[in-house]
Amino acid sequence: MPHLRFCAPLPLLCAALLPGPAVAAAVDTDPATIKALAADAYLWGLGPEFIWRFAQYNTIIGAKFNHFKYGQVPAAWNNEGTNAGDASVVYMSGFVNFDKSPALVLTVPPSSNQYYVVAYIDGYANSVGSIGTRPTPSDVTTSYLLVGPKSPYAHLQTAKVNGYEYPVMASDTNLSWFLIRVLTNTLIDASAPTSVPNVVKNVQEKFALNTLQEFEANGHQPVFPRNYVTPPPNPEQTKRAAPYQNAPADAVTFFTQLGNAVVMSPIPNRRTGLSGTPLTDLPAWVVPQAGAADIYYVPSFGQQEKLASFAPIGLTEKGFSVPAGWGPMQKQALQDGYTFGQDKLNAFIARASSNAGRTNDWGILNNPVGTYPNTPRGYLYRSVIVLEGGVANIALDAVYPTTTGNPAPYDGNHTYKITFTVPPQFQPLPARGIYPPLVSDSSGNPKGFWSITLYATDPSEQDAPFVAQTSVLNTSYSTADTAVLSVDATNNSMTVNAPDWGTLEASTPILFGGDVTAYGLMPNTVYYVANAPTTNADKTAYTFQVSTEWLQPLSLDTDTQTYVPIQGPPSQNGQHPGPIVQLLSPAGAGALNYGMVKPVSQLGSAQLAANQLALNTDGSLTLWFGPTLPAGAPESNWIPTPSTAYYKTLYSEPISTAFQLSLRMYYPTPGDEPPSILPYTPGGFRKLKESYIPPLVEMVQ
């Protein structure tokens, strides 16, 4: 699922506000006013601009509007790689455009015994719906009627259409986005029920998105795709999508895209959807607006006045155009204001990160997140979320503490560790360093999950982090257990049985077992599928060449003048293999096997439940982060870090070795049941911003 932003790492918690500029609508040629308004418009508009732009990008290179893109491979390596990708889940994504279809039907599988969360996000980056294990636990398949703000069903909680009754999920904007995460153990063998192939087959492929007409014509049953694999983009699609891949550097382009977003999704009013409904009557799948006390209003209502304030720079509900009469001085002021807005946002993040000492250097944002107040503070936080990875679940579904690296980022040339301890019977609040507190079932197993993911911090893609390329170095969870059918030394290609763990494509990391050296290969070495494999008629065998390297695109950090290898689809510009292995096929050679490498970019509760992690004698768990396996550390507990020694073998450019850690906590314990990552207000005492703090990350060497 290329470049799908999901619930991203959030490295801050700070209540400080940046003052917005005063609005002087009559002075639309004054450079100072233009600069101030442009900065304010950037801080307000980054959310809707991102949703609109990202919808264009993904519907060009992936699934078109009103269709799902089913992710067959987790975001652990390059296949399906995404900024801030979560390697604990398989993703599904779909952008909805109600101008193309006024009514859709979303079908979801049972959620009581399989964790998943469906985040439904409107055109202003607010979560308007949440479906899954926490909000709507169910043992049966359920189909929701999806409608836009103009639908006659938008004011209903349930609707009977042609004799069939649906729960109604109304969006407050014409453009919306589904981002679905389904828990899987990405490091377990294919035969396990929690493995990627089994979760994909038994859970993910039970989701469907249909038009109402399709659903009715099929006897009120979902219509599933004939092929769940979205074809990779062709060169023409890649070229057409390229302008939407990254945030534009040019202010006019940014504000044009923001204007397009506003035109496509007009700001909702106080009568949109279920607005006016008492919160006690709100259905479980509808997300209340930020700060809701008694009455529900759609989260994006209340922005009209803010949008109107940008008319002096040409941004209105009708879109954006450079005002008539502007000359070079005014256009430069617009650009300066755009840059100034970015600087203000980055300064806010830096200040927040510098205040994270009380939380063991973890930035914790648990309010507001997912939905945002329509205030300068709310717009600021909404933009921070976009900058740090796109969009976020509401805190009841997930919170993402992220290391701030204060006073400096963690350096992958060093080794670090973190230890989670068993909760004592009595512990003062906030509880520090215990296992992440999640809602659990009657057996004590979490209903959601927690995991720690290591990211290389990336200055492009709006500062989104990426899974470090070095994650392939830990092969302790990988096995060469699938037969190589033949080796063609003339063409330096091999033909293999289809893997049972995933899908082979260019850039897939693999390893070999058996009589390895006889074929010109090395044992205990990571190789890569060098080209798009060809398959036989029934797609049971793949033929491809093998490379010793895979080179990713590099993004430049202009501050440090270093580069970061970033993930993306193999068709993305800059992706290519290194040298092709010169294969041998001598007579009498023994059997050769291969296996897909399961990169270790994250570890957490899924591996803990499967007894794949080594515990300390007291029941605590230590995870290790370093360029090589630390002395005395179990390989199962090691996440490789980006290092100079590794990257200098691949790239001539200077590569950044900075990294951050993100602790994902899905379905956290509620705040009123401490310890919790969510806010806690004990009776008669001061409010705790969180009653649980993750353990300190310690540098070992």
Foldseek 3Di string as FASTA:
>chain_A
DFADFEAAFFFFDDPDFDDQDDFDLVPLQDLVNLLRLLLLCCLQQVQLLLLLLVLLLCCLFWPHAQFKQWFLAFCQAFRVPHFRGDRQWTKMKHKHACVVAFKKKKKFAAAQQWFKWKFKAASRQFTFWIDHNPLDHDHGIAMEIEGEQPDPCLQDQWDQDPNDIHGYRYHDWRIMMIMMTTGADLLADLVDCRASLNCCVPGVQRIGMGHPVVCVVVVNHGDGDPDSHIDGGDPVSLVVSVVSSFQDLALVVSQQSSQVSLLRTPQGEQPTGNRFAFPVPDRSGTDAAAPDDTTGGRLRYDCQVVQVSSVSQAGHSNGGDGDPPHDPSNSVSSSSSNVVSVVVLVVVSLVRQQPCVVQLQWHWDQPPFSGFHSDSSRSSVSSSSCLAGRHHHHNLFKIKTKGSCPPHFDFQQFKWKAKAADDDPDDDFLAERHAFFFDADPVRAHSHWKKKFKWDFAVTRSRGTTQANLLLLLQVSKDQDWFFPDADLVVQKTKTFADSRGHAAFFFKKAKDDLAVQWQHDHSAIKTFFHGWDADPVRGMTMGWIASFKWADWDADVVVRATAGHHGHCVNPGTGGDDTGNTDDDPPGITMTMITGSGPRMDISVCVVVVQADADPNRMGMAMEHQDPDPPHDSSRYGYFDDPVVCVVPDPTHHGRGMMMMMMDGRWDDQCPPQTSPKHDPPPDDIDNGRYRHYHIGTDD
